[in-house]
């Protein structure tokens, strides 16, 4: 099955670099320099992953990231010349799965694409020893179907949010360091990206914790996180 990559970028040199390197490795590349056309391609072409530049003419890259995420669970890697911590956190808050700063090496980009696809594509099957459904109070996590219900109502999680919840749920009650979560959820080489975990834990809490209820995900300052025990 060919992997389809949507490149949202207005610099023709970067587009050529990405397209030629992806083509050699068997990827199918679609290109848009325009935000609205990118959204149309998202609907008609159903790409597996989006490489999104933040600084597009006539489009706010953050807003475009949010609109893509609202429409789809597609993997999103932001590729931007803006290297500031605030920009990275904003992009992750808008639903990006990963953030790369220009200039970048093509090997690093390919490694990030493959790591993100591994995380965001449904797994073929869970190992035999893993329960297919984990229940925590009124929360039901179906590992096989990659679905979550709270109080019987479906909760929409992105693949990265689900992967993080899965790791916490399989180690319920156990303290997991940020480095462990980054390695298990994002992949090797991400161990220093601590804001990824912070942002995604916050996203999970917003979706899964009811106001006034006991917290589901507990933070141990400077140590890590754990899912509330029995």
N, C-alpha and C. Protein backbone atom coordinates (compact mmCIF):
# COMPACT_ATOMS: atom_id res chain seq x y z
N UNK A 1 0.85 -1.19 0.00
CA UNK A 1 0.00 0.00 0.00
C UNK A 1 0.89 1.24 0.00
N UNK A 2 0.70 2.12 -0.98
CA UNK A 2 1.52 3.33 -1.09
C UNK A 2 1.14 4.32 -0.01
N UNK A 3 2.15 4.90 0.62
CA UNK A 3 1.92 5.94 1.62
C UNK A 3 1.81 7.28 0.91
N UNK A 4 0.75 8.00 1.23
CA UNK A 4 0.49 9.28 0.56
C UNK A 4 0.82 10.43 1.50
N UNK A 5 1.70 11.31 1.05
CA UNK A 5 2.14 12.45 1.86
C UNK A 5 1.64 13.75 1.23
N UNK A 6 0.96 14.57 2.02
CA UNK A 6 0.53 15.89 1.56
C UNK A 6 1.51 16.92 2.10
N UNK A 7 2.23 17.59 1.19
CA UNK A 7 3.21 18.62 1.57
C UNK A 7 2.56 19.99 1.38
N UNK A 8 2.38 20.70 2.48
CA UNK A 8 1.78 22.05 2.42
C UNK A 8 2.92 23.04 2.63
N UNK A 9 3.43 23.55 1.52
CA UNK A 9 4.69 24.32 1.54
C UNK A 9 4.73 25.20 0.30
N UNK A 10 5.20 26.47 0.46
CA UNK A 10 5.22 27.37 -0.69
C UNK A 10 6.63 27.61 -1.25
N UNK A 11 7.65 26.99 -0.65
CA UNK A 11 9.01 27.15 -1.16
C UNK A 11 9.30 26.01 -2.14
N UNK A 12 9.41 26.32 -3.45
CA UNK A 12 9.58 25.26 -4.46
C UNK A 12 10.84 24.43 -4.25
N UNK A 13 11.91 25.03 -3.70
CA UNK A 13 13.15 24.27 -3.47
C UNK A 13 12.93 23.18 -2.42
N UNK A 14 12.22 23.54 -1.35
CA UNK A 14 11.95 22.56 -0.29
C UNK A 14 10.99 21.48 -0.81
N UNK A 15 9.99 21.90 -1.59
CA UNK A 15 9.05 20.94 -2.17
C UNK A 15 9.79 19.93 -3.04
N UNK A 16 10.71 20.41 -3.89
CA UNK A 16 11.47 19.51 -4.78
C UNK A 16 12.33 18.54 -3.98
N UNK A 17 12.98 19.07 -2.94
CA UNK A 17 13.84 18.25 -2.09
C UNK A 17 13.03 17.12 -1.44
N UNK A 18 11.89 17.49 -0.86
CA UNK A 18 11.06 16.49 -0.17
C UNK A 18 10.48 15.50 -1.17
N UNK A 19 9.92 16.03 -2.26
CA UNK A 19 9.24 15.16 -3.23
C UNK A 19 10.20 14.14 -3.85
N UNK A 20 11.40 14.60 -4.25
CA UNK A 20 12.34 13.69 -4.91
C UNK A 20 12.81 12.60 -3.95
N UNK A 21 13.07 12.98 -2.70
CA UNK A 21 13.54 12.00 -1.71
C UNK A 21 12.45 11.02 -1.31
N UNK A 22 11.21 11.49 -1.25
CA UNK A 22 10.11 10.59 -0.89
C UNK A 22 9.79 9.65 -2.05
N UNK A 23 9.87 10.17 -3.28
CA UNK A 23 9.56 9.36 -4.47
C UNK A 23 10.50 8.16 -4.56
N UNK A 24 11.79 8.38 -4.28
CA UNK A 24 12.80 7.31 -4.33
C UNK A 24 12.42 6.19 -3.37
N UNK A 25 11.79 6.56 -2.27
CA UNK A 25 11.42 5.57 -1.25
C UNK A 25 9.98 5.07 -1.41
N UNK A 26 9.38 5.37 -2.53
CA UNK A 26 8.07 4.80 -2.85
C UNK A 26 6.86 5.53 -2.29
N UNK A 27 7.08 6.75 -1.79
CA UNK A 27 5.95 7.54 -1.29
C UNK A 27 5.28 8.28 -2.43
N UNK A 28 4.00 8.50 -2.30
CA UNK A 28 3.21 9.26 -3.25
C UNK A 28 3.05 10.66 -2.66
N UNK A 29 3.49 11.71 -3.37
CA UNK A 29 3.48 13.06 -2.79
C UNK A 29 2.49 13.97 -3.48
N UNK A 30 1.67 14.65 -2.66
CA UNK A 30 0.76 15.69 -3.13
C UNK A 30 1.28 17.00 -2.58
N UNK A 31 1.12 18.08 -3.34
CA UNK A 31 1.67 19.37 -2.89
C UNK A 31 0.60 20.45 -2.97
N UNK A 32 0.59 21.32 -1.95
CA UNK A 32 -0.26 22.50 -1.98
C UNK A 32 0.47 23.64 -1.30
N UNK A 33 0.45 24.82 -1.95
CA UNK A 33 1.05 26.01 -1.33
C UNK A 33 -0.06 26.85 -0.71
N UNK A 34 -1.28 26.32 -0.77
CA UNK A 34 -2.46 27.10 -0.40
C UNK A 34 -3.28 26.34 0.65
N UNK A 35 -3.65 27.03 1.71
CA UNK A 35 -4.35 26.39 2.83
C UNK A 35 -5.68 25.76 2.46
N UNK A 36 -6.49 26.50 1.72
CA UNK A 36 -7.82 25.98 1.38
C UNK A 36 -7.73 24.78 0.44
N UNK A 37 -6.76 24.84 -0.49
CA UNK A 37 -6.57 23.68 -1.39
C UNK A 37 -6.08 22.48 -0.59
N UNK A 38 -5.25 22.73 0.42
CA UNK A 38 -4.76 21.64 1.26
C UNK A 38 -5.93 20.94 1.95
N UNK A 39 -6.90 21.72 2.44
CA UNK A 39 -8.07 21.12 3.10
C UNK A 39 -8.90 20.31 2.10
N UNK A 40 -9.00 20.82 0.85
CA UNK A 40 -9.74 20.09 -0.19
C UNK A 40 -9.04 18.77 -0.50
N UNK A 41 -7.70 18.80 -0.61
CA UNK A 41 -6.93 17.58 -0.90
C UNK A 41 -7.04 16.58 0.25
N UNK A 42 -7.14 17.10 1.46
CA UNK A 42 -7.31 16.23 2.63
C UNK A 42 -8.57 15.40 2.48
N UNK A 43 -9.65 16.04 2.01
CA UNK A 43 -10.93 15.34 1.83
C UNK A 43 -10.92 14.39 0.65
N UNK A 44 -10.35 14.84 -0.49
CA UNK A 44 -10.45 14.04 -1.71
C UNK A 44 -9.37 12.96 -1.82
N UNK A 45 -8.17 13.25 -1.31
CA UNK A 45 -7.04 12.32 -1.51
C UNK A 45 -6.73 11.47 -0.29
N UNK A 46 -7.25 11.84 0.88
CA UNK A 46 -7.05 11.06 2.12
C UNK A 46 -5.59 10.68 2.35
N UNK A 47 -4.70 11.67 2.49
CA UNK A 47 -3.29 11.35 2.71
C UNK A 47 -3.08 10.65 4.06
N UNK A 48 -1.95 9.95 4.18
CA UNK A 48 -1.60 9.27 5.43
C UNK A 48 -0.92 10.22 6.40
N UNK A 49 -0.26 11.24 5.83
CA UNK A 49 0.50 12.18 6.68
C UNK A 49 0.57 13.54 5.99
N UNK A 50 0.59 14.60 6.79
CA UNK A 50 0.69 15.97 6.26
C UNK A 50 1.98 16.59 6.80
N UNK A 51 2.80 17.15 5.89
CA UNK A 51 3.97 17.95 6.28
C UNK A 51 3.56 19.40 6.10
N UNK A 52 3.46 20.13 7.19
CA UNK A 52 2.82 21.46 7.17
C UNK A 52 3.80 22.57 7.53
N UNK A 53 4.00 23.50 6.60
CA UNK A 53 4.78 24.70 6.89
C UNK A 53 3.87 25.70 7.58
N UNK A 54 4.38 26.41 8.58
CA UNK A 54 3.54 27.36 9.31
C UNK A 54 3.41 28.70 8.58
N UNK A 55 4.46 29.06 7.81
CA UNK A 55 4.47 30.39 7.22
C UNK A 55 4.06 30.34 5.75
N UNK A 56 2.75 30.28 5.56
CA UNK A 56 2.19 30.21 4.21
C UNK A 56 1.61 31.56 3.84
N UNK A 57 1.63 31.89 2.53
CA UNK A 57 0.97 33.13 2.12
C UNK A 57 -0.55 32.98 2.32
N UNK A 58 -1.17 34.00 2.84
CA UNK A 58 -2.64 34.04 2.99
C UNK A 58 -3.21 32.92 3.85
N UNK A 59 -2.41 32.38 4.76
CA UNK A 59 -2.95 31.35 5.67
C UNK A 59 -2.16 31.37 6.96
N UNK A 60 -2.86 31.22 8.06
CA UNK A 60 -2.21 31.08 9.36
C UNK A 60 -1.95 29.58 9.56
N UNK A 61 -0.67 29.20 9.62
CA UNK A 61 -0.31 27.78 9.72
C UNK A 61 -0.90 27.10 10.93
N UNK A 62 -0.93 27.81 12.08
CA UNK A 62 -1.51 27.23 13.30
C UNK A 62 -3.00 26.94 13.11
N UNK A 63 -3.68 27.92 12.51
CA UNK A 63 -5.13 27.77 12.28
C UNK A 63 -5.40 26.64 11.30
N UNK A 64 -4.53 26.54 10.29
CA UNK A 64 -4.67 25.45 9.31
C UNK A 64 -4.46 24.10 9.99
N UNK A 65 -3.48 24.03 10.89
CA UNK A 65 -3.23 22.80 11.64
C UNK A 65 -4.48 22.41 12.44
N UNK A 66 -5.08 23.40 13.09
CA UNK A 66 -6.30 23.14 13.88
C UNK A 66 -7.44 22.63 12.99
N UNK A 67 -7.59 23.25 11.81
CA UNK A 67 -8.67 22.87 10.89
C UNK A 67 -8.45 21.46 10.34
N UNK A 68 -7.19 21.11 10.05
CA UNK A 68 -6.88 19.75 9.58
C UNK A 68 -7.24 18.75 10.68
N UNK A 69 -6.82 19.07 11.92
CA UNK A 69 -7.06 18.15 13.03
C UNK A 69 -8.56 17.99 13.31
N UNK A 70 -9.33 19.06 13.15
CA UNK A 70 -10.78 18.97 13.37
C UNK A 70 -11.44 18.04 12.35
N UNK A 71 -10.87 18.05 11.13
CA UNK A 71 -11.46 17.25 10.05
C UNK A 71 -10.99 15.80 10.04
N UNK A 72 -9.79 15.55 10.57
CA UNK A 72 -9.16 14.26 10.32
C UNK A 72 -8.19 13.86 11.43
N UNK A 73 -7.97 12.53 11.54
CA UNK A 73 -6.95 12.01 12.47
C UNK A 73 -5.61 11.81 11.77
N UNK A 74 -5.47 12.34 10.57
CA UNK A 74 -4.24 12.18 9.78
C UNK A 74 -3.03 12.64 10.61
N UNK A 75 -1.89 11.98 10.40
CA UNK A 75 -0.66 12.39 11.06
C UNK A 75 -0.23 13.76 10.54
N UNK A 76 0.20 14.65 11.46
CA UNK A 76 0.65 15.99 11.06
C UNK A 76 2.04 16.25 11.63
N UNK A 77 3.00 16.50 10.73
CA UNK A 77 4.32 16.98 11.17
C UNK A 77 4.46 18.42 10.71
N UNK A 78 4.61 19.34 11.65
CA UNK A 78 4.86 20.73 11.30
C UNK A 78 6.35 20.87 10.98
N UNK A 79 6.64 21.48 9.82
CA UNK A 79 8.03 21.71 9.40
C UNK A 79 8.17 23.21 9.21
N UNK A 80 8.87 23.88 10.14
CA UNK A 80 8.83 25.33 10.15
C UNK A 80 10.19 25.95 10.42
N UNK A 81 10.38 27.15 9.90
CA UNK A 81 11.60 27.91 10.19
C UNK A 81 11.53 28.52 11.59
N UNK A 82 10.33 28.50 12.18
CA UNK A 82 10.15 29.08 13.51
C UNK A 82 10.52 28.03 14.56
N UNK A 83 11.65 28.27 15.23
CA UNK A 83 12.17 27.25 16.14
C UNK A 83 11.87 27.49 17.60
N UNK A 84 11.08 28.52 17.90
CA UNK A 84 10.82 28.87 19.30
C UNK A 84 9.97 27.83 20.02
N UNK A 85 10.21 27.74 21.33
CA UNK A 85 9.47 26.81 22.19
C UNK A 85 7.96 27.09 22.13
N UNK A 86 7.61 28.38 22.12
CA UNK A 86 6.19 28.75 22.13
C UNK A 86 5.49 28.27 20.86
N UNK A 87 6.18 28.43 19.71
CA UNK A 87 5.59 27.97 18.44
C UNK A 87 5.38 26.46 18.45
N UNK A 88 6.36 25.74 18.99
CA UNK A 88 6.26 24.28 19.06
C UNK A 88 5.07 23.86 19.92
N UNK A 89 4.96 24.47 21.10
CA UNK A 89 3.86 24.13 22.01
C UNK A 89 2.51 24.49 21.39
N UNK A 90 2.44 25.65 20.72
CA UNK A 90 1.18 26.05 20.06
C UNK A 90 0.79 25.04 18.99
N UNK A 91 1.77 24.61 18.19
CA UNK A 91 1.48 23.64 17.12
C UNK A 91 0.98 22.32 17.71
N UNK A 92 1.63 21.86 18.80
CA UNK A 92 1.19 20.61 19.44
C UNK A 92 -0.22 20.77 20.02
N UNK A 93 -0.49 21.94 20.60
CA UNK A 93 -1.83 22.20 21.12
C UNK A 93 -2.89 22.20 20.02
N UNK A 94 -2.49 22.59 18.83
CA UNK A 94 -3.42 22.62 17.69
C UNK A 94 -3.60 21.23 17.07
N UNK A 95 -2.85 20.24 17.60
CA UNK A 95 -3.06 18.87 17.12
C UNK A 95 -1.92 18.27 16.32
N UNK A 96 -0.79 19.00 16.19
CA UNK A 96 0.36 18.42 15.47
C UNK A 96 0.90 17.23 16.27
N UNK A 97 1.38 16.21 15.55
CA UNK A 97 1.98 15.04 16.18
C UNK A 97 3.47 15.23 16.42
N UNK A 98 4.09 16.08 15.61
CA UNK A 98 5.54 16.28 15.70
C UNK A 98 5.86 17.66 15.13
N UNK A 99 7.06 18.15 15.44
CA UNK A 99 7.48 19.50 15.02
C UNK A 99 8.95 19.47 14.66
N UNK A 100 9.26 19.87 13.44
CA UNK A 100 10.65 19.94 12.99
C UNK A 100 10.99 21.37 12.59
N UNK A 101 12.25 21.75 12.87
CA UNK A 101 12.68 23.11 12.54
C UNK A 101 13.56 23.08 11.29
N UNK A 102 13.30 24.01 10.37
CA UNK A 102 14.16 24.16 9.18
C UNK A 102 15.43 24.90 9.60
N UNK A 103 16.58 24.67 8.94
CA UNK A 103 16.78 23.63 7.93
C UNK A 103 16.87 22.26 8.60
N UNK A 104 16.49 21.22 7.86
CA UNK A 104 16.51 19.86 8.41
C UNK A 104 17.23 18.94 7.43
N UNK A 105 17.75 17.85 7.97
CA UNK A 105 18.36 16.83 7.12
C UNK A 105 17.27 15.91 6.60
N UNK A 106 17.40 15.45 5.36
CA UNK A 106 16.35 14.61 4.77
C UNK A 106 16.24 13.28 5.51
N UNK A 107 17.37 12.76 6.02
CA UNK A 107 17.30 11.49 6.77
C UNK A 107 16.49 11.66 8.06
N UNK A 108 16.68 12.82 8.72
CA UNK A 108 15.91 13.07 9.93
C UNK A 108 14.42 13.17 9.61
N UNK A 109 14.10 13.87 8.51
CA UNK A 109 12.70 14.00 8.10
C UNK A 109 12.09 12.61 7.85
N UNK A 110 12.82 11.76 7.13
CA UNK A 110 12.31 10.42 6.83
C UNK A 110 12.12 9.61 8.12
N UNK A 111 13.06 9.73 9.05
CA UNK A 111 12.94 9.02 10.32
C UNK A 111 11.70 9.49 11.08
N UNK A 112 11.46 10.80 11.06
CA UNK A 112 10.29 11.36 11.75
C UNK A 112 8.99 10.90 11.08
N UNK A 113 8.98 10.87 9.75
CA UNK A 113 7.78 10.40 9.02
C UNK A 113 7.48 8.96 9.40
N UNK A 114 8.51 8.10 9.38
CA UNK A 114 8.29 6.68 9.67
C UNK A 114 7.86 6.48 11.12
N UNK A 115 8.46 7.23 12.05
CA UNK A 115 8.08 7.12 13.46
C UNK A 115 6.63 7.55 13.66
N UNK A 116 6.24 8.63 12.99
CA UNK A 116 4.88 9.15 13.13
C UNK A 116 3.87 8.19 12.51
N UNK A 117 4.19 7.62 11.37
CA UNK A 117 3.28 6.66 10.73
C UNK A 117 3.10 5.41 11.58
N UNK A 118 4.19 4.95 12.19
CA UNK A 118 4.09 3.77 13.08
C UNK A 118 3.11 4.04 14.21
N UNK A 119 3.14 5.26 14.71
CA UNK A 119 2.30 5.62 15.85
C UNK A 119 0.85 5.85 15.45
N UNK A 120 0.64 6.44 14.28
CA UNK A 120 -0.71 6.89 13.93
C UNK A 120 -1.50 5.89 13.08
N UNK A 121 -0.80 4.88 12.54
CA UNK A 121 -1.55 3.85 11.81
C UNK A 121 -2.00 2.78 12.80
N UNK A 122 -3.21 2.27 12.66
CA UNK A 122 -3.68 1.26 13.60
C UNK A 122 -2.77 0.04 13.59
N UNK A 123 -2.48 -0.48 14.77
CA UNK A 123 -1.68 -1.70 14.86
C UNK A 123 -2.48 -2.88 14.33
N UNK A 124 -1.80 -3.86 13.74
CA UNK A 124 -2.49 -5.03 13.19
C UNK A 124 -3.25 -5.77 14.29
N UNK A 125 -2.57 -6.00 15.40
CA UNK A 125 -3.25 -6.66 16.52
C UNK A 125 -2.43 -6.45 17.78
N UNK A 126 -3.12 -6.51 18.91
CA UNK A 126 -2.41 -6.36 20.18
C UNK A 126 -1.78 -7.71 20.53
N UNK A 127 -0.66 -7.72 21.25
CA UNK A 127 -0.08 -9.00 21.68
C UNK A 127 -1.08 -9.79 22.51
N UNK A 128 -0.93 -11.11 22.48
CA UNK A 128 -1.87 -12.01 23.17
C UNK A 128 -2.02 -11.68 24.66
N UNK A 129 -0.90 -11.27 25.29
CA UNK A 129 -0.92 -11.06 26.75
C UNK A 129 -1.62 -9.77 27.15
N UNK A 130 -1.92 -8.90 26.18
CA UNK A 130 -2.53 -7.61 26.50
C UNK A 130 -4.05 -7.74 26.49
N UNK A 131 -4.75 -7.24 27.54
CA UNK A 131 -6.22 -7.29 27.51
C UNK A 131 -6.74 -6.42 26.36
N UNK A 132 -7.84 -6.86 25.73
CA UNK A 132 -8.33 -6.08 24.59
C UNK A 132 -9.10 -4.85 25.06
N UNK A 133 -9.68 -4.91 26.27
CA UNK A 133 -10.40 -3.75 26.81
C UNK A 133 -9.94 -3.50 28.24
N UNK A 134 -9.59 -2.25 28.54
CA UNK A 134 -9.20 -1.86 29.90
C UNK A 134 -10.29 -0.92 30.43
N UNK A 135 -10.82 -1.23 31.61
CA UNK A 135 -11.87 -0.39 32.19
C UNK A 135 -11.36 0.28 33.46
N UNK A 136 -11.51 1.59 33.53
CA UNK A 136 -11.09 2.37 34.69
C UNK A 136 -12.28 3.26 35.07
N UNK A 137 -12.95 2.89 36.17
CA UNK A 137 -14.16 3.62 36.58
C UNK A 137 -15.14 3.62 35.41
N UNK A 138 -15.55 4.81 34.91
CA UNK A 138 -16.52 4.83 33.80
C UNK A 138 -15.82 4.95 32.44
N UNK A 139 -14.48 4.77 32.45
CA UNK A 139 -13.70 4.88 31.21
C UNK A 139 -13.41 3.49 30.65
N UNK A 140 -13.72 3.31 29.37
CA UNK A 140 -13.47 2.02 28.71
C UNK A 140 -12.52 2.25 27.55
N UNK A 141 -11.34 1.60 27.61
CA UNK A 141 -10.32 1.76 26.56
C UNK A 141 -10.25 0.46 25.78
N UNK A 142 -10.72 0.49 24.54
CA UNK A 142 -10.71 -0.70 23.68
C UNK A 142 -9.43 -0.65 22.85
N UNK A 143 -8.44 -1.46 23.25
CA UNK A 143 -7.13 -1.44 22.59
C UNK A 143 -7.20 -1.99 21.18
N UNK A 144 -8.05 -3.01 20.98
CA UNK A 144 -8.13 -3.64 19.65
C UNK A 144 -8.75 -2.68 18.65
N UNK A 145 -9.84 -2.00 19.04
CA UNK A 145 -10.54 -1.10 18.11
C UNK A 145 -9.99 0.33 18.16
N UNK A 146 -9.04 0.58 19.09
CA UNK A 146 -8.50 1.93 19.29
C UNK A 146 -9.62 2.93 19.53
N UNK A 147 -10.51 2.58 20.46
CA UNK A 147 -11.64 3.47 20.78
C UNK A 147 -11.73 3.65 22.29
N UNK A 148 -12.24 4.81 22.67
CA UNK A 148 -12.41 5.13 24.09
C UNK A 148 -13.84 5.60 24.32
N UNK A 149 -14.43 5.12 25.43
CA UNK A 149 -15.77 5.57 25.81
C UNK A 149 -15.72 6.02 27.26
N UNK A 150 -16.41 7.10 27.56
CA UNK A 150 -16.53 7.55 28.94
C UNK A 150 -18.01 7.64 29.28
N UNK A 151 -18.42 6.86 30.28
CA UNK A 151 -19.84 6.82 30.62
C UNK A 151 -20.68 6.35 29.44
N UNK A 152 -20.09 5.46 28.62
CA UNK A 152 -20.82 4.91 27.47
C UNK A 152 -20.80 5.79 26.24
N UNK A 153 -20.21 6.99 26.36
CA UNK A 153 -20.18 7.92 25.22
C UNK A 153 -18.78 7.91 24.59
N UNK A 154 -18.73 7.79 23.27
CA UNK A 154 -17.43 7.75 22.57
C UNK A 154 -16.68 9.06 22.75
N UNK A 155 -15.38 8.94 23.01
CA UNK A 155 -14.50 10.11 23.11
C UNK A 155 -13.53 10.03 21.95
N UNK A 156 -13.46 11.10 21.15
CA UNK A 156 -12.57 11.06 19.99
C UNK A 156 -11.15 11.43 20.42
N UNK A 157 -10.21 10.49 20.23
CA UNK A 157 -8.80 10.76 20.48
C UNK A 157 -8.03 10.65 19.17
N UNK A 158 -7.02 11.47 19.01
CA UNK A 158 -6.14 11.31 17.84
C UNK A 158 -5.27 10.07 18.09
N UNK A 159 -4.66 9.51 17.05
CA UNK A 159 -3.82 8.33 17.25
C UNK A 159 -2.71 8.54 18.28
N UNK A 160 -2.11 9.73 18.30
CA UNK A 160 -1.04 9.98 19.27
C UNK A 160 -1.61 10.04 20.69
N UNK A 161 -2.75 10.69 20.86
CA UNK A 161 -3.40 10.72 22.19
C UNK A 161 -3.72 9.30 22.64
N UNK A 162 -4.23 8.49 21.72
CA UNK A 162 -4.58 7.11 22.08
C UNK A 162 -3.32 6.32 22.46
N UNK A 163 -2.24 6.51 21.71
CA UNK A 163 -1.00 5.78 21.99
C UNK A 163 -0.47 6.12 23.38
N UNK A 164 -0.60 7.39 23.77
CA UNK A 164 -0.15 7.81 25.10
C UNK A 164 -1.04 7.21 26.19
N UNK A 165 -2.35 7.26 25.98
CA UNK A 165 -3.29 6.69 26.95
C UNK A 165 -3.07 5.17 27.08
N UNK A 166 -2.82 4.52 25.96
CA UNK A 166 -2.59 3.07 25.96
C UNK A 166 -1.38 2.71 26.83
N UNK A 167 -0.29 3.47 26.67
CA UNK A 167 0.92 3.19 27.45
C UNK A 167 0.66 3.39 28.94
N UNK A 168 -0.07 4.45 29.28
CA UNK A 168 -0.41 4.70 30.70
C UNK A 168 -1.32 3.60 31.24
N UNK A 169 -2.31 3.19 30.42
CA UNK A 169 -3.29 2.19 30.87
C UNK A 169 -2.66 0.82 31.06
N UNK A 170 -1.75 0.45 30.16
CA UNK A 170 -1.09 -0.86 30.28
C UNK A 170 -0.16 -0.91 31.49
N UNK A 171 0.22 0.27 32.00
CA UNK A 171 1.09 0.34 33.18
C UNK A 171 0.38 1.05 34.32
N UNK A 172 -0.92 0.77 34.44
CA UNK A 172 -1.76 1.48 35.40
C UNK A 172 -1.18 1.45 36.82
N UNK A 173 -1.12 2.65 37.43
CA UNK A 173 -0.62 2.76 38.79
C UNK A 173 0.89 2.89 38.88
N UNK A 174 1.57 2.63 37.75
CA UNK A 174 3.05 2.69 37.73
C UNK A 174 3.50 4.07 37.27
N UNK A 175 4.52 4.60 37.94
CA UNK A 175 5.06 5.90 37.55
C UNK A 175 5.91 5.72 36.29
N UNK A 176 5.57 6.47 35.24
CA UNK A 176 6.32 6.40 33.98
C UNK A 176 7.02 7.73 33.75
N UNK A 177 8.31 7.70 33.52
CA UNK A 177 9.06 8.94 33.30
C UNK A 177 8.69 9.54 31.94
N UNK A 178 8.98 10.83 31.79
CA UNK A 178 8.73 11.48 30.50
C UNK A 178 9.54 10.81 29.40
N UNK A 179 10.81 10.48 29.73
CA UNK A 179 11.68 9.84 28.72
C UNK A 179 11.08 8.50 28.28
N UNK A 180 10.54 7.73 29.23
CA UNK A 180 9.92 6.45 28.89
C UNK A 180 8.73 6.67 27.94
N UNK A 181 7.86 7.62 28.29
CA UNK A 181 6.67 7.88 27.47
C UNK A 181 7.07 8.37 26.08
N UNK A 182 8.07 9.24 26.01
CA UNK A 182 8.52 9.74 24.71
C UNK A 182 9.07 8.60 23.85
N UNK A 183 9.85 7.72 24.47
CA UNK A 183 10.45 6.61 23.72
C UNK A 183 9.37 5.66 23.24
N UNK A 184 8.40 5.34 24.12
CA UNK A 184 7.37 4.35 23.79
C UNK A 184 6.32 4.90 22.84
N UNK A 185 5.97 6.18 22.99
CA UNK A 185 4.87 6.74 22.18
C UNK A 185 5.41 7.41 20.91
N UNK A 186 6.42 8.25 21.04
CA UNK A 186 6.94 8.95 19.85
C UNK A 186 8.04 8.16 19.16
N UNK A 187 8.90 7.50 19.95
CA UNK A 187 9.96 6.69 19.34
C UNK A 187 11.33 7.09 19.86
N UNK A 188 12.34 6.33 19.47
CA UNK A 188 13.71 6.65 19.90
C UNK A 188 14.15 7.97 19.28
N UNK A 189 14.92 8.72 20.05
CA UNK A 189 15.39 10.01 19.54
C UNK A 189 14.51 11.17 19.99
N UNK A 190 13.38 10.86 20.64
CA UNK A 190 12.47 11.92 21.10
C UNK A 190 12.60 12.18 22.60
N UNK A 191 13.54 11.49 23.26
CA UNK A 191 13.58 11.51 24.73
C UNK A 191 13.71 12.91 25.34
N UNK A 192 14.25 13.87 24.59
CA UNK A 192 14.44 15.22 25.16
C UNK A 192 13.25 16.15 24.87
N UNK A 193 12.28 15.70 24.09
CA UNK A 193 11.14 16.56 23.70
C UNK A 193 10.08 16.59 24.80
N UNK A 194 10.45 17.07 25.98
CA UNK A 194 9.55 16.93 27.14
C UNK A 194 8.23 17.67 26.97
N UNK A 195 8.23 18.76 26.18
CA UNK A 195 6.95 19.49 26.04
C UNK A 195 5.92 18.67 25.26
N UNK A 196 6.36 17.70 24.45
CA UNK A 196 5.41 16.83 23.75
C UNK A 196 4.51 16.13 24.77
N UNK A 197 5.15 15.56 25.80
CA UNK A 197 4.39 14.83 26.81
C UNK A 197 3.48 15.78 27.58
N UNK A 198 4.02 16.93 27.98
CA UNK A 198 3.23 17.89 28.75
C UNK A 198 1.96 18.29 28.01
N UNK A 199 2.12 18.64 26.72
CA UNK A 199 0.97 19.08 25.93
C UNK A 199 -0.04 17.94 25.76
N UNK A 200 0.44 16.74 25.46
CA UNK A 200 -0.49 15.63 25.19
C UNK A 200 -1.16 15.10 26.46
N UNK A 201 -0.47 15.18 27.61
CA UNK A 201 -1.12 14.83 28.88
C UNK A 201 -2.26 15.81 29.13
N UNK A 202 -1.99 17.09 28.87
CA UNK A 202 -3.03 18.12 29.07
C UNK A 202 -4.22 17.86 28.15
N UNK A 203 -3.94 17.46 26.91
CA UNK A 203 -5.03 17.17 25.96
C UNK A 203 -5.88 15.99 26.44
N UNK A 204 -5.20 14.94 26.95
CA UNK A 204 -5.93 13.77 27.46
C UNK A 204 -6.79 14.15 28.66
N UNK A 205 -6.22 14.93 29.57
CA UNK A 205 -7.00 15.34 30.75
C UNK A 205 -8.26 16.11 30.35
N UNK A 206 -8.10 17.02 29.39
CA UNK A 206 -9.23 17.83 28.95
C UNK A 206 -10.35 16.96 28.38
N UNK A 207 -9.96 15.87 27.72
CA UNK A 207 -10.96 15.01 27.07
C UNK A 207 -11.53 13.94 28.00
N UNK A 208 -10.75 13.52 29.01
CA UNK A 208 -11.13 12.33 29.77
C UNK A 208 -11.52 12.59 31.22
N UNK A 209 -11.09 13.71 31.78
CA UNK A 209 -11.38 13.96 33.20
C UNK A 209 -12.60 14.85 33.34
N UNK A 210 -13.58 14.37 34.08
CA UNK A 210 -14.80 15.15 34.29
C UNK A 210 -14.52 16.22 35.35
N UNK A 211 -15.15 17.39 35.19
CA UNK A 211 -14.98 18.48 36.16
C UNK A 211 -15.40 18.02 37.55
N UNK A 212 -14.53 18.26 38.53
CA UNK A 212 -14.87 17.92 39.90
C UNK A 212 -14.59 16.47 40.28
N UNK A 213 -14.31 15.63 39.29
CA UNK A 213 -14.03 14.20 39.58
C UNK A 213 -12.56 14.05 39.99
N UNK A 214 -12.25 12.90 40.58
CA UNK A 214 -10.85 12.62 40.95
C UNK A 214 -10.01 12.57 39.68
N UNK A 215 -8.77 13.08 39.72
CA UNK A 215 -7.94 13.08 38.51
C UNK A 215 -7.64 11.65 38.02
N UNK A 216 -7.62 11.51 36.72
CA UNK A 216 -7.33 10.21 36.10
C UNK A 216 -5.82 10.03 35.93
N UNK A 217 -5.15 11.11 35.50
CA UNK A 217 -3.71 11.07 35.26
C UNK A 217 -3.02 11.91 36.33
N UNK A 218 -2.13 11.28 37.06
CA UNK A 218 -1.45 11.95 38.17
C UNK A 218 -0.04 12.35 37.76
N UNK A 219 0.35 13.57 38.15
CA UNK A 219 1.69 14.06 37.86
C UNK A 219 2.55 13.94 39.11
N UNK A 220 3.73 13.39 38.94
CA UNK A 220 4.71 13.42 40.03
C UNK A 220 5.79 14.40 39.57
N UNK A 221 5.85 15.59 40.20
CA UNK A 221 6.76 16.63 39.71
C UNK A 221 8.18 16.12 39.50
N UNK A 222 8.74 16.48 38.35
CA UNK A 222 10.11 16.12 37.95
C UNK A 222 10.35 14.62 37.83
N UNK A 223 9.30 13.81 37.97
CA UNK A 223 9.49 12.36 37.87
C UNK A 223 8.71 11.76 36.70
N UNK A 224 7.45 12.15 36.53
CA UNK A 224 6.68 11.59 35.43
C UNK A 224 5.20 11.56 35.73
N UNK A 225 4.51 10.58 35.13
CA UNK A 225 3.05 10.50 35.21
C UNK A 225 2.63 9.06 35.46
N UNK A 226 1.45 8.92 36.05
CA UNK A 226 0.86 7.59 36.16
C UNK A 226 -0.65 7.69 36.09
N UNK A 227 -1.26 6.63 35.64
CA UNK A 227 -2.72 6.54 35.59
C UNK A 227 -3.19 6.08 36.97
N UNK A 228 -4.22 6.73 37.49
CA UNK A 228 -4.71 6.41 38.83
C UNK A 228 -4.95 4.91 38.97
N UNK A 229 -4.53 4.35 40.11
CA UNK A 229 -4.66 2.90 40.35
C UNK A 229 -6.07 2.51 40.69
N UNK A 230 -6.23 1.24 41.08
CA UNK A 230 -7.57 0.73 41.39
C UNK A 230 -8.20 1.54 42.52
